[in-house]
C-alpha atoms as a PDB file:
ATOM      1  CA  MET A   1      83.825 -56.779 -38.309  1.00  0.00           C
ATOM      2  CA  ASP A   2      83.342 -54.037 -40.904  1.00  0.00           C
ATOM      3  CA  THR A   3      83.522 -55.824 -44.251  1.00  0.00           C
ATOM      4  CA  ASN A   4      82.345 -52.843 -46.293  1.00  0.00           C
ATOM      5  CA  MET A   5      79.549 -55.059 -47.637  1.00  0.00           C
ATOM      6  CA  ASN A   6      76.819 -52.465 -47.804  1.00  0.00           C
ATOM      7  CA  ASP A   7      73.122 -53.230 -47.589  1.00  0.00           C
ATOM      8  CA  ARG A   8      72.840 -52.686 -51.352  1.00  0.00           C
ATOM      9  CA  ILE A   9      74.861 -54.897 -53.700  1.00  0.00           C
ATOM     10  CA  VAL A  10      74.998 -54.491 -57.469  1.00  0.00           C
ATOM     11  CA  LEU A  11      76.337 -57.603 -59.163  1.00  0.00           C
ATOM     12  CA  TYR A  12      77.456 -57.049 -62.747  1.00  0.00           C
ATOM     13  CA  TRP A  13      77.620 -60.287 -64.721  1.00  0.00           C
ATOM     14  CA  PHE A  14      78.349 -61.685 -68.139  1.00  0.00           C
ATOM     15  CA  SER A  15      77.504 -65.248 -69.117  1.00  0.00           C
ATOM     16  CA  GLY A  16      77.742 -67.221 -72.339  1.00  0.00           C
ATOM     17  CA  THR A  17      76.382 -70.703 -71.711  1.00  0.00           C
ATOM     18  CA  GLY A  18      74.865 -69.923 -68.318  1.00  0.00           C
ATOM     19  CA  ASN A  19      77.445 -70.970 -65.722  1.00  0.00           C
ATOM     20  CA  THR A  20      78.409 -67.495 -64.580  1.00  0.00           C
ATOM     21  CA  PHE A  21      74.828 -66.361 -64.261  1.00  0.00           C
ATOM     22  CA  ALA A  22      74.021 -69.468 -62.187  1.00  0.00           C
ATOM     23  CA  VAL A  23      76.896 -68.618 -59.835  1.00  0.00           C
ATOM     24  CA  THR A  24      75.714 -65.000 -59.691  1.00  0.00           C
ATOM     25  CA  ARG A  25      72.210 -66.067 -58.672  1.00  0.00           C
ATOM     26  CA  ALA A  26      73.543 -68.484 -56.050  1.00  0.00           C
ATOM     27  CA  MET A  27      75.575 -65.707 -54.424  1.00  0.00           C
ATOM     28  CA  ALA A  28      72.649 -63.292 -54.648  1.00  0.00           C
ATOM     29  CA  ASP A  29      70.477 -65.765 -52.729  1.00  0.00           C
ATOM     30  CA  VAL A  30      73.005 -65.811 -49.876  1.00  0.00           C
ATOM     31  CA  PHE A  31      73.227 -62.028 -49.784  1.00  0.00           C
ATOM     32  CA  GLU A  32      69.457 -61.641 -49.779  1.00  0.00           C
ATOM     33  CA  ALA A  33      69.117 -64.218 -47.003  1.00  0.00           C
ATOM     34  CA  ALA A  34      71.459 -61.992 -44.978  1.00  0.00           C
ATOM     35  CA  GLY A  35      69.149 -59.016 -45.502  1.00  0.00           C
ATOM     36  CA  LYS A  36      70.998 -57.357 -48.372  1.00  0.00           C
ATOM     37  CA  SER A  37      69.332 -55.805 -51.399  1.00  0.00           C
ATOM     38  CA  VAL A  38      70.793 -57.301 -54.567  1.00  0.00           C
ATOM     39  CA  GLU A  39      70.515 -56.053 -58.147  1.00  0.00           C
ATOM     40  CA  LEU A  40      71.777 -58.191 -61.044  1.00  0.00           C
ATOM     41  CA  VAL A  41      72.901 -56.193 -64.087  1.00  0.00           C
ATOM     42  CA  ALA A  42      74.192 -57.621 -67.398  1.00  0.00           C
ATOM     43  CA  MET A  43      77.591 -56.243 -68.413  1.00  0.00           C
ATOM     44  CA  GLU A  44      76.544 -55.990 -72.056  1.00  0.00           C
ATOM     45  CA  ASP A  45      74.165 -53.210 -71.023  1.00  0.00           C
ATOM     46  CA  GLY A  46      77.206 -51.076 -70.226  1.00  0.00           C
ATOM     47  CA  PRO A  47      78.693 -49.709 -66.969  1.00  0.00           C
ATOM     48  CA  PRO A  48      76.934 -47.036 -64.939  1.00  0.00           C
ATOM     49  CA  ALA A  49      77.827 -43.412 -65.572  1.00  0.00           C
ATOM     50  CA  GLU A  50      78.623 -42.930 -61.891  1.00  0.00           C
ATOM     51  CA  SER A  51      78.781 -45.071 -58.764  1.00  0.00           C
ATOM     52  CA  SER A  52      75.929 -45.109 -56.270  1.00  0.00           C
ATOM     53  CA  PRO A  53      76.847 -44.172 -52.677  1.00  0.00           C
ATOM     54  CA  GLY A  54      76.440 -46.980 -50.183  1.00  0.00           C
ATOM     55  CA  THR A  55      76.668 -49.717 -52.811  1.00  0.00           C
ATOM     56  CA  THR A  56      78.975 -52.728 -52.963  1.00  0.00           C
ATOM     57  CA  VAL A  57      79.982 -53.731 -56.481  1.00  0.00           C
ATOM     58  CA  GLY A  58      80.382 -57.336 -57.603  1.00  0.00           C
ATOM     59  CA  LEU A  59      81.887 -58.526 -60.885  1.00  0.00           C
ATOM     60  CA  ALA A  60      81.083 -61.972 -62.293  1.00  0.00           C
ATOM     61  CA  VAL A  61      82.809 -63.111 -65.498  1.00  0.00           C
ATOM     62  CA  PRO A  62      83.638 -66.332 -67.349  1.00  0.00           C
ATOM     63  CA  VAL A  63      87.241 -67.270 -68.003  1.00  0.00           C
ATOM     64  CA  ALA A  64      88.109 -67.435 -71.701  1.00  0.00           C
ATOM     65  CA  CYS A  65      91.440 -67.793 -73.464  1.00  0.00           C
ATOM     66  CA  GLY A  66      93.146 -67.945 -70.053  1.00  0.00           C
ATOM     67  CA  ASN A  67      91.642 -64.601 -69.065  1.00  0.00           C
ATOM     68  CA  THR A  68      88.216 -63.209 -69.922  1.00  0.00           C
ATOM     69  CA  TYR A  69      86.361 -61.645 -72.837  1.00  0.00           C
ATOM     70  CA  ASP A  70      87.095 -58.204 -74.264  1.00  0.00           C
ATOM     71  CA  LEU A  71      83.522 -57.214 -73.421  1.00  0.00           C
ATOM     72  CA  CYS A  72      84.188 -57.894 -69.732  1.00  0.00           C
ATOM     73  CA  TRP A  73      87.491 -56.031 -69.719  1.00  0.00           C
ATOM     74  CA  GLU A  74      85.931 -53.048 -71.453  1.00  0.00           C
ATOM     75  CA  PHE A  75      83.241 -52.974 -68.779  1.00  0.00           C
ATOM     76  CA  ILE A  76      85.769 -53.181 -65.930  1.00  0.00           C
ATOM     77  CA  MET A  77      87.977 -50.479 -67.443  1.00  0.00           C
ATOM     78  CA  ALA A  78      84.922 -48.211 -67.846  1.00  0.00           C
ATOM     79  CA  LEU A  79      83.753 -48.492 -64.236  1.00  0.00           C
ATOM     80  CA  PRO A  80      83.252 -45.076 -62.626  1.00  0.00           C
ATOM     81  CA  ASP A  81      85.231 -43.891 -59.620  1.00  0.00           C
ATOM     82  CA  GLY A  82      84.497 -46.163 -56.689  1.00  0.00           C
ATOM     83  CA  GLY A  83      84.715 -43.592 -53.923  1.00  0.00           C
ATOM     84  CA  GLY A  84      85.889 -46.232 -51.442  1.00  0.00           C
ATOM     85  CA  ALA A  85      83.075 -48.696 -52.142  1.00  0.00           C
ATOM     86  CA  GLY A  86      83.763 -52.394 -51.711  1.00  0.00           C
ATOM     87  CA  CYS A  87      84.278 -54.560 -54.791  1.00  0.00           C
ATOM     88  CA  PHE A  88      84.553 -58.320 -55.268  1.00  0.00           C
ATOM     89  CA  LEU A  89      85.212 -60.619 -58.232  1.00  0.00           C
ATOM     90  CA  VAL A  90      84.028 -64.120 -59.076  1.00  0.00           C
ATOM     91  CA  ASP A  91      84.832 -66.043 -62.231  1.00  0.00           C
ATOM     92  CA  THR A  92      83.816 -69.422 -63.629  1.00  0.00           C
ATOM     93  CA  LEU A  93      86.270 -71.708 -65.364  1.00  0.00           C
ATOM     94  CA  ALA A  94      87.286 -75.264 -66.210  1.00  0.00           C
ATOM     95  CA  ALA A  95      90.819 -75.096 -64.801  1.00  0.00           C
ATOM     96  CA  HIS A  96      92.621 -71.795 -64.127  1.00  0.00           C
ATOM     97  CA  SER A  97      92.689 -68.251 -65.454  1.00  0.00           C
ATOM     98  CA  GLY A  98      96.366 -67.335 -65.251  1.00  0.00           C
ATOM     99  CA  GLY A  99      96.238 -63.553 -65.412  1.00  0.00           C
ATOM    100  CA  LEU A 100      92.824 -62.342 -64.305  1.00  0.00           C
ATOM    101  CA  LEU A 101      92.537 -61.935 -60.531  1.00  0.00           C
ATOM    102  CA  GLY A 102      95.585 -59.760 -59.889  1.00  0.00           C
ATOM    103  CA  PRO A 103      95.144 -57.460 -62.909  1.00  0.00           C
ATOM    104  CA  VAL A 104      91.462 -56.838 -62.094  1.00  0.00           C
ATOM    105  CA  ARG A 105      92.402 -56.082 -58.494  1.00  0.00           C
ATOM    106  CA  ASP A 106      94.875 -53.455 -59.709  1.00  0.00           C
ATOM    107  CA  VAL A 107      92.240 -51.815 -61.925  1.00  0.00           C
ATOM    108  CA  VAL A 108      89.483 -51.577 -59.308  1.00  0.00           C
ATOM    109  CA  THR A 109      91.944 -50.397 -56.658  1.00  0.00           C
ATOM    110  CA  ALA A 110      93.187 -47.641 -58.973  1.00  0.00           C
ATOM    111  CA  LYS A 111      89.565 -46.605 -59.521  1.00  0.00           C
ATOM    112  CA  GLY A 112      89.025 -46.127 -55.795  1.00  0.00           C
ATOM    113  CA  TYR A 113      87.312 -49.405 -54.850  1.00  0.00           C
ATOM    114  CA  GLN A 114      88.194 -51.471 -51.805  1.00  0.00           C
ATOM    115  CA  PRO A 115      88.990 -55.041 -52.953  1.00  0.00           C
ATOM    116  CA  LEU A 116      86.974 -57.374 -50.741  1.00  0.00           C
ATOM    117  CA  GLY A 117      87.735 -60.760 -52.247  1.00  0.00           C
ATOM    118  CA  ALA A 118      88.003 -62.845 -55.410  1.00  0.00           C
ATOM    119  CA  ARG A 119      87.224 -66.478 -56.123  1.00  0.00           C
ATOM    120  CA  GLU A 120      87.457 -68.807 -59.104  1.00  0.00           C
ATOM    121  CA  ILE A 121      84.621 -71.331 -59.358  1.00  0.00           C
ATOM    122  CA  ARG A 122      84.960 -74.508 -61.373  1.00  0.00           C
ATOM    123  CA  MET A 123      81.887 -75.286 -63.477  1.00  0.00           C
ATOM    124  CA  ALA A 124      81.211 -77.721 -66.318  1.00  0.00           C
ATOM    125  CA  SER A 125      82.878 -76.551 -69.524  1.00  0.00           C
ATOM    126  CA  ASN A 126      82.468 -77.403 -73.181  1.00  0.00           C
ATOM    127  CA  PHE A 127      85.535 -75.780 -74.687  1.00  0.00           C
ATOM    128  CA  LEU A 128      88.357 -78.165 -75.601  1.00  0.00           C
ATOM    129  CA  THR A 129      86.909 -80.830 -73.317  1.00  0.00           C
ATOM    130  CA  LYS A 130      85.472 -84.268 -73.944  1.00  0.00           C
ATOM    131  CA  PRO A 131      81.686 -84.549 -73.644  1.00  0.00           C
ATOM    132  CA  LYS A 132      80.668 -85.274 -70.057  1.00  0.00           C
ATOM    133  CA  SER A 133      77.805 -87.379 -68.846  1.00  0.00           C
ATOM    134  CA  PRO A 134      74.820 -85.487 -67.375  1.00  0.00           C
ATOM    135  CA  GLU A 135      75.693 -86.983 -63.989  1.00  0.00           C
ATOM    136  CA  LYS A 136      79.259 -85.648 -64.095  1.00  0.00           C
ATOM    137  CA  VAL A 137      78.069 -82.231 -65.259  1.00  0.00           C
ATOM    138  CA  GLN A 138      75.645 -82.123 -62.349  1.00  0.00           C
ATOM    139  CA  ARG A 139      78.339 -83.110 -59.823  1.00  0.00           C
ATOM    140  CA  ILE A 140      80.683 -80.397 -61.082  1.00  0.00           C
ATOM    141  CA  ASN A 141      77.978 -77.742 -61.094  1.00  0.00           C
ATOM    142  CA  VAL A 142      76.597 -78.633 -57.661  1.00  0.00           C
ATOM    143  CA  ALA A 143      80.099 -78.383 -56.183  1.00  0.00           C
ATOM    144  CA  GLY A 144      80.646 -75.091 -58.016  1.00  0.00           C
ATOM    145  CA  LEU A 145      77.442 -73.531 -56.722  1.00  0.00           C
ATOM    146  CA  ASP A 146      78.301 -74.674 -53.194  1.00  0.00           C
ATOM    147  CA  ALA A 147      81.695 -72.974 -53.560  1.00  0.00           C
ATOM    148  CA  ALA A 148      79.974 -69.795 -54.784  1.00  0.00           C
ATOM    149  CA  ARG A 149      77.663 -69.757 -51.761  1.00  0.00           C
ATOM    150  CA  GLY A 150      80.669 -70.298 -49.506  1.00  0.00           C
ATOM    151  CA  PHE A 151      82.445 -67.347 -51.107  1.00  0.00           C
ATOM    152  CA  ALA A 152      79.382 -65.151 -50.555  1.00  0.00           C
ATOM    153  CA  LYS A 153      79.405 -66.072 -46.856  1.00  0.00           C
ATOM    154  CA  GLU A 154      83.121 -65.252 -46.638  1.00  0.00           C
ATOM    155  CA  LEU A 155      82.418 -61.826 -48.131  1.00  0.00           C
ATOM    156  CA  LEU A 156      79.728 -61.239 -45.539  1.00  0.00           C
ATOM    157  CA  ASP A 157      81.916 -62.208 -42.567  1.00  0.00           C
ATOM    158  CA  GLY A 158      85.026 -60.459 -43.885  1.00  0.00           C
ATOM    159  CA  SER A 159      87.197 -63.562 -44.354  1.00  0.00           C
ATOM    160  CA  ALA A 160      87.411 -63.444 -48.166  1.00  0.00           C
ATOM    161  CA  THR A 161      90.773 -62.723 -49.790  1.00  0.00           C
ATOM    162  CA  TRP A 162      91.947 -61.317 -53.117  1.00  0.00           C
ATOM    163  CA  ARG A 163      95.552 -62.017 -54.007  1.00  0.00           C
ATOM    164  CA  GLY A 164      97.661 -59.248 -55.463  1.00  0.00           C
ATOM    165  CA  ASN A 165      99.167 -58.988 -58.920  1.00  0.00           C
ATOM    166  CA  SER A 166     102.497 -60.499 -59.935  1.00  0.00           C
ATOM    167  CA  PHE A 167     104.891 -60.590 -62.862  1.00  0.00           C
ATOM    168  CA  PHE A 168     103.548 -63.958 -63.977  1.00  0.00           C
ATOM    169  CA  GLN A 169      99.938 -62.757 -63.867  1.00  0.00           C
ATOM    170  CA  ARG A 170     100.798 -59.652 -65.863  1.00  0.00           C
ATOM    171  CA  LEU A 171     102.602 -61.803 -68.437  1.00  0.00           C
ATOM    172  CA  ALA A 172      99.708 -64.280 -68.599  1.00  0.00           C
ATOM    173  CA  LYS A 173      97.269 -61.419 -69.128  1.00  0.00           C
ATOM    174  CA  LYS A 174      99.358 -59.949 -71.936  1.00  0.00           C
ATOM    175  CA  ILE A 175      99.486 -63.283 -73.750  1.00  0.00           C
ATOM    176  CA  ALA A 176      95.803 -64.063 -73.193  1.00  0.00           C
ATOM    177  CA  ARG A 177      94.693 -60.631 -74.377  1.00  0.00           C
ATOM    178  CA  SER A 178      96.801 -60.703 -77.538  1.00  0.00           C
ATOM    179  CA  ARG A 179      95.202 -60.837 -80.980  1.00  0.00           C
ATOM    180  CA  GLY A 180      97.135 -63.993 -81.798  1.00  0.00           C
ATOM    181  CA  CYS A 181      95.690 -65.858 -78.838  1.00  0.00           C
ATOM    182  CA  TRP A 182      92.144 -64.945 -79.853  1.00  0.00           C
ATOM    183  CA  ARG A 183      92.798 -65.871 -83.480  1.00  0.00           C
ATOM    184  CA  VAL A 184      93.803 -69.334 -82.302  1.00  0.00           C
ATOM    185  CA  THR A 185      90.732 -69.521 -80.064  1.00  0.00           C
ATOM    186  CA  ARG A 186      88.401 -68.616 -82.932  1.00  0.00           C
ATOM    187  CA  TRP A 187      90.165 -71.109 -85.201  1.00  0.00           C
ATOM    188  CA  LEU A 188      89.803 -73.858 -82.620  1.00  0.00           C
ATOM    189  CA  ALA A 189      86.121 -73.117 -82.114  1.00  0.00           C
ATOM    190  CA  LYS A 190      85.344 -72.663 -85.836  1.00  0.00           C
ATOM    191  CA  ILE A 191      81.764 -71.596 -85.204  1.00  0.00           C
ATOM    192  CA  ARG A 192      79.641 -72.290 -88.293  1.00  0.00           C
ATOM    193  CA  ILE A 193      76.008 -71.822 -89.256  1.00  0.00           C
ATOM    194  CA  ASP A 194      74.341 -74.698 -91.075  1.00  0.00           C
ATOM    195  CA  ALA A 195      72.125 -72.942 -93.606  1.00  0.00           C
ATOM    196  CA  ALA A 196      70.086 -76.075 -94.165  1.00  0.00           C
ATOM    197  CA  LYS A 197      69.022 -76.057 -90.499  1.00  0.00           C
ATOM    198  CA  CYS A 198      68.766 -72.303 -89.826  1.00  0.00           C
ATOM    199  CA  THR A 199      65.105 -71.240 -89.680  1.00  0.00           C
ATOM    200  CA  GLY A 200      65.868 -67.517 -89.598  1.00  0.00           C
ATOM    201  CA  CYS A 201      64.219 -67.005 -86.199  1.00  0.00           C
ATOM    202  CA  GLY A 202      66.807 -64.331 -85.291  1.00  0.00           C
ATOM    203  CA  LEU A 203      67.279 -65.454 -81.678  1.00  0.00           C
ATOM    204  CA  CYS A 204      71.055 -65.723 -82.056  1.00  0.00           C
ATOM    205  CA  ALA A 205      71.296 -62.162 -83.389  1.00  0.00           C
ATOM    206  CA  GLU A 206      69.096 -60.924 -80.565  1.00  0.00           C
ATOM    207  CA  ILE A 207      71.170 -62.463 -77.758  1.00  0.00           C
ATOM    208  CA  CYS A 208      74.666 -61.951 -79.207  1.00  0.00           C
ATOM    209  CA  PRO A 209      76.413 -59.581 -76.765  1.00  0.00           C
ATOM    210  CA  THR A 210      78.754 -58.101 -79.375  1.00  0.00           C
ATOM    211  CA  ASP A 211      76.313 -57.771 -82.298  1.00  0.00           C
ATOM    212  CA  ALA A 212      78.445 -60.224 -84.253  1.00  0.00           C
ATOM    213  CA  ILE A 213      75.413 -61.941 -85.815  1.00  0.00           C
ATOM    214  CA  THR A 214      73.154 -60.439 -88.439  1.00  0.00           C
ATOM    215  CA  MET A 215      70.231 -61.880 -90.378  1.00  0.00           C
ATOM    216  CA  ILE A 216      70.879 -61.766 -94.107  1.00  0.00           C
ATOM    217  CA  ASP A 217      68.286 -61.827 -96.871  1.00  0.00           C
ATOM    218  CA  VAL A 218      68.787 -64.748 -99.265  1.00  0.00           C
ATOM    219  CA  PRO A 219      65.527 -65.173-101.203  1.00  0.00           C
ATOM    220  CA  ASP A 220      66.941 -66.933-104.250  1.00  0.00           C
ATOM    221  CA  SER A 221      70.397 -68.122-103.236  1.00  0.00           C
ATOM    222  CA  PRO A 222      71.059 -71.824-103.935  1.00  0.00           C
ATOM    223  CA  ALA A 223      73.700 -72.092-101.234  1.00  0.00           C
ATOM    224  CA  ILE A 224      74.578 -70.067 -98.157  1.00  0.00           C
ATOM    225  CA  SER A 225      77.993 -69.117 -96.811  1.00  0.00           C
ATOM    226  CA  ASP A 226      78.735 -69.516 -93.131  1.00  0.00           C
ATOM    227  CA  GLY A 227      79.810 -65.857 -92.948  1.00  0.00           C
ATOM    228  CA  GLN A 228      83.405 -66.772 -92.122  1.00  0.00           C
ATOM    229  CA  GLY A 229      84.823 -67.313 -95.576  1.00  0.00           C
ATOM    230  CA  SER A 230      84.920 -71.099 -95.224  1.00  0.00           C
ATOM    231  CA  GLY A 231      82.548 -71.948 -98.051  1.00  0.00           C
ATOM    232  CA  THR A 232      78.959 -73.068 -98.117  1.00  0.00           C
ATOM    233  CA  LEU A 233      77.317 -75.317 -95.571  1.00  0.00           C
ATOM    234  CA  GLY A 234      74.085 -76.257 -97.244  1.00  0.00           C
ATOM    235  CA  ARG A 235      71.076 -75.171 -99.244  1.00  0.00           C
ATOM    236  CA  PRO A 236      68.106 -73.337 -97.747  1.00  0.00           C
ATOM    237  CA  GLU A 237      65.241 -75.684 -96.949  1.00  0.00           C
ATOM    238  CA  HIS A 238      62.950 -73.274 -95.154  1.00  0.00           C
ATOM    239  CA  GLY A 239      62.647 -70.473 -97.729  1.00  0.00           C
ATOM    240  CA  GLY A 240      59.075 -69.633 -98.723  1.00  0.00           C
ATOM    241  CA  HIS A 241      55.906 -71.258 -97.473  1.00  0.00           C
ATOM    242  CA  VAL A 242      52.663 -72.599 -98.860  1.00  0.00           C
ATOM    243  CA  SER A 243      50.002 -69.902 -98.937  1.00  0.00           C
ATOM    244  CA  GLU A 244      47.076 -70.425 -96.584  1.00  0.00           C
ATOM    245  CA  ASN A 245      44.736 -68.317 -98.684  1.00  0.00           C
ATOM    246  CA  GLU A 246      42.037 -70.640-100.033  1.00  0.00           C
ATOM    247  CA  ASN A 247      41.649 -68.502-103.169  1.00  0.00           C
ATOM    248  CA  THR A 248      45.238 -69.125-104.300  1.00  0.00           C
ATOM    249  CA  ASP A 249      46.470 -72.121-106.213  1.00  0.00           C
ATOM    250  CA  ALA A 250      47.328 -75.117-104.046  1.00  0.00           C
ATOM    251  CA  GLY A 251      51.002 -75.342-103.263  1.00  0.00           C
ATOM    252  CA  LYS A 252      51.789 -71.828-104.432  1.00  0.00           C
ATOM    253  CA  GLN A 253      55.076 -70.686-102.907  1.00  0.00           C
ATOM    254  CA  ASP A 254      55.405 -67.387-101.080  1.00  0.00           C
ATOM    255  CA  THR A 255      58.145 -65.255-102.608  1.00  0.00           C
ATOM    256  CA  SER A 256      58.927 -63.454 -99.345  1.00  0.00           C
ATOM    257  CA  PRO A 257      62.671 -63.328 -98.502  1.00  0.00           C
ATOM    258  CA  ARG A 258      64.334 -66.009 -96.480  1.00  0.00           C
ATOM    259  CA  PHE A 259      66.653 -64.899 -93.709  1.00  0.00           C
ATOM    260  CA  ILE A 260      69.523 -66.827 -92.163  1.00  0.00           C
ATOM    261  CA  ALA A 261      72.162 -65.919 -89.605  1.00  0.00           C
ATOM    262  CA  SER A 262      75.650 -64.776 -90.557  1.00  0.00           C
ATOM    263  CA  ILE A 263      78.558 -64.380 -88.132  1.00  0.00           C
ATOM    264  CA  ASP A 264      81.218 -61.667 -88.278  1.00  0.00           C
ATOM    265  CA  LYS A 265      84.229 -63.577 -86.967  1.00  0.00           C
ATOM    266  CA  LYS A 266      86.096 -60.368 -86.110  1.00  0.00           C
ATOM    267  CA  LYS A 267      83.371 -59.371 -83.649  1.00  0.00           C
ATOM    268  CA  CYS A 268      82.692 -62.862 -82.292  1.00  0.00           C
ATOM    269  CA  GLN A 269      84.171 -63.490 -78.837  1.00  0.00           C
ATOM    270  CA  VAL A 270      83.368 -67.218 -78.809  1.00  0.00           C
ATOM    271  CA  CYS A 271      81.108 -67.021 -75.765  1.00  0.00           C
ATOM    272  CA  LEU A 272      78.978 -69.827 -77.325  1.00  0.00           C
ATOM    273  CA  ARG A 273      75.732 -68.203 -76.225  1.00  0.00           C
ATOM    274  CA  CYS A 274      74.315 -68.523 -79.736  1.00  0.00           C
ATOM    275  CA  ALA A 275      75.301 -72.166 -80.165  1.00  0.00           C
ATOM    276  CA  GLY A 276      73.921 -73.153 -76.788  1.00  0.00           C
ATOM    277  CA  ARG A 277      70.547 -71.524 -77.357  1.00  0.00           C
ATOM    278  CA  CYS A 278      69.834 -72.065 -81.057  1.00  0.00           C
ATOM    279  CA  PRO A 279      66.446 -73.852 -81.101  1.00  0.00           C
ATOM    280  CA  ALA A 280      67.241 -75.481 -84.453  1.00  0.00           C
ATOM    281  CA  LYS A 281      70.767 -76.606 -83.426  1.00  0.00           C
ATOM    282  CA  ALA A 282      71.984 -74.871 -86.566  1.00  0.00           C
ATOM    283  CA  ILE A 283      75.173 -73.429 -85.047  1.00  0.00           C
ATOM    284  CA  ALA A 284      78.090 -75.847 -84.910  1.00  0.00           C
ATOM    285  CA  VAL A 285      81.194 -75.440 -82.739  1.00  0.00           C
ATOM    286  CA  ARG A 286      84.194 -77.644 -83.461  1.00  0.00           C
ATOM    287  CA  THR A 287      85.279 -77.723 -79.810  1.00  0.00           C
ATOM    288  CA  ALA A 288      81.805 -78.404 -78.432  1.00  0.00           C
ATOM    289  CA  ASN A 289      79.543 -81.094 -79.855  1.00  0.00           C
ATOM    290  CA  PRO A 290      76.870 -80.614 -78.767  1.00  0.00           C
ATOM    291  CA  PRO A 291      77.370 -77.201 -77.098  1.00  0.00           C
ATOM    292  CA  TYR A 292      76.944 -77.335 -73.340  1.00  0.00           C
ATOM    293  CA  LEU A 293      74.228 -75.141 -71.839  1.00  0.00           C
ATOM    294  CA  TYR A 294      73.607 -74.664 -68.145  1.00  0.00           C
ATOM    295  CA  PRO A 295      70.531 -76.832 -67.362  1.00  0.00           C
ATOM    296  CA  GLU A 296      68.364 -73.945 -66.209  1.00  0.00           C
END
């Protein structure tokens, strides 16, 4: 059967806490075992200027706010003309997406891609859920990765399906993509930076996919705002250091600036990548305590 799964597969992915990337890798392993060449490309790096002949395109996104992140939609909308190439979609979620599968199918079809299949994979979540035991998280994730491998095999043998759009999916997408819905999501998450814990390492700013985090210079400030207009969270405890120069007075404090992270809530898409990876656990999320991070 001709499944239009070419020998070269480019899988574009976006992942916040690691679930979607884990699913992407699991599918890539199946494709490679079948003799395919697989390239994994992060969506935040931007879509290609033009499609490559003889390439199957995969899209892997997390479900958020009943749909997916603006960053993912912007990537999908900016895809180049498909020229008849095959395209498939996989998403990770806690329950259901509502208005994602059908609308994405319409977009890629209009761009000249052949829709090969779409699948939603349940993985452990930390948004608006009660903390799960490590054993339960592992059970959910193992089942999810098995489902992802099964979907990859269906794509290879041509049995995968991708349901069409509907009125209810279009309505669900419109609601999920509205500014009001995202305002509620940001309010529920209430991501905050604890200035007393932040060491100014800059990792969060480096990995933020929307450049919503910046490192601010606060050399003499007695208290630091969380960057979201909700007041101060603590006093800097890591500013300055004892000089190691033996010729200086013992205990002399360095006057070099202290940097801490600040979040622009209008840019933040609540992917929780920063909270999950902060080495100092300085980023708090109201809906996730502690933030879940894929084990690997």
